[in-house]
Amino acid sequence: MKPDLHPDYHTITVQMTDGSTFTTRTTWGKKGDVLHLDIDPKVHPAWTGGQQQLMDRGGRLSRFQKKFANLGLDKK
């Protein structure tokens, strides 16, 4: 195997948005660096399944329904 083929794998500290930290191993940065997260997986709706508002205020759904309303397809 070729020497120096793999990147340096070292320990860094990850700091969450609430200030809590944990240590992990990665190829990101240099040994001992601190990675500050902009989006925290403990509170972000993408990971927690938070409440979303699915309201159509004259947007795509309304335009679609208006465009194809007269196709003659019966709703069953």
Protein backbone atom coordinates (compact mmCIF):
# COMPACT_ATOMS: atom_id res chain seq x y z
CA MET A 1 0.00 0.00 0.00
CA LYS A 2 1.20 3.52 -0.74
CA PRO A 3 2.50 5.54 2.21
CA ASP A 4 0.58 8.69 3.22
CA LEU A 5 -2.46 7.54 1.25
CA HIS A 6 -5.05 8.13 3.99
CA PRO A 7 -5.84 11.52 5.56
CA ASP A 8 -4.92 12.23 9.19
CA TYR A 9 -7.58 10.80 11.52
CA HIS A 10 -7.58 12.67 14.85
CA THR A 11 -9.71 13.82 17.81
CA ILE A 12 -11.69 17.09 17.80
CA THR A 13 -14.34 18.65 20.04
CA VAL A 14 -17.81 19.41 18.69
CA GLN A 15 -19.69 22.28 20.36
CA MET A 16 -23.47 22.34 20.04
CA THR A 17 -25.53 25.55 19.84
CA ASP A 18 -26.59 25.14 23.49
CA GLY A 19 -22.93 25.06 24.63
CA SER A 20 -22.67 21.32 25.31
CA THR A 21 -19.67 19.53 23.82
CA PHE A 22 -18.54 16.05 22.88
CA THR A 23 -15.36 14.55 21.50
CA THR A 24 -15.18 12.60 18.27
CA ARG A 25 -12.64 11.39 15.73
CA THR A 26 -12.58 12.84 12.23
CA THR A 27 -10.46 13.99 9.30
CA TRP A 28 -11.88 17.54 9.60
CA GLY A 29 -9.51 20.29 10.78
CA LYS A 30 -6.47 19.66 12.95
CA LYS A 31 -6.01 17.72 16.16
CA GLY A 32 -7.65 19.58 19.07
CA ASP A 33 -9.80 21.91 16.91
CA VAL A 34 -13.33 22.85 18.00
CA LEU A 35 -16.18 22.48 15.49
CA HIS A 36 -19.02 24.94 16.29
CA LEU A 37 -22.34 23.71 14.93
CA ASP A 38 -24.72 26.23 13.33
CA ILE A 39 -27.61 23.75 13.33
CA ASP A 40 -28.08 21.60 16.41
CA PRO A 41 -29.53 18.10 15.80
CA LYS A 42 -31.04 18.09 19.32
CA VAL A 43 -33.41 20.97 18.59
CA HIS A 44 -33.67 21.35 14.79
CA PRO A 45 -37.03 20.25 13.31
CA ALA A 46 -35.34 18.18 10.61
CA TRP A 47 -34.12 15.74 13.28
CA THR A 48 -36.79 16.15 15.95
CA GLY A 49 -39.86 15.99 13.69
CA GLY A 50 -41.00 19.42 14.85
CA GLN A 51 -44.27 21.02 13.96
CA GLN A 52 -44.56 22.32 10.43
CA GLN A 53 -47.17 24.57 8.92
CA LEU A 54 -48.40 23.11 5.66
CA MET A 55 -50.64 25.93 4.52
CA ASP A 56 -51.14 26.76 0.89
CA ARG A 57 -51.60 30.50 0.56
CA GLY A 58 -52.29 30.71 -3.15
CA GLY A 59 -49.11 28.84 -3.98
CA ARG A 60 -48.26 25.79 -6.04
CA LEU A 61 -51.11 23.59 -4.88
CA SER A 62 -53.76 26.22 -5.58
CA ARG A 63 -52.31 26.95 -9.03
CA PHE A 64 -52.18 23.22 -9.85
CA GLN A 65 -55.78 22.65 -8.78
CA LYS A 66 -56.96 25.70 -10.71
CA LYS A 67 -55.06 24.68 -13.85
CA PHE A 68 -56.36 21.10 -13.93
CA ALA A 69 -59.83 21.63 -12.43
CA ASN A 70 -61.65 21.15 -15.77
CA LEU A 71 -60.08 17.87 -16.86
CA GLY A 72 -63.32 16.01 -16.27
CA LEU A 73 -61.91 13.55 -13.79
CA ASP A 74 -64.47 12.54 -11.20
CA LYS A 75 -63.43 12.49 -7.56
CA LYS A 76 -64.43 9.23 -5.91
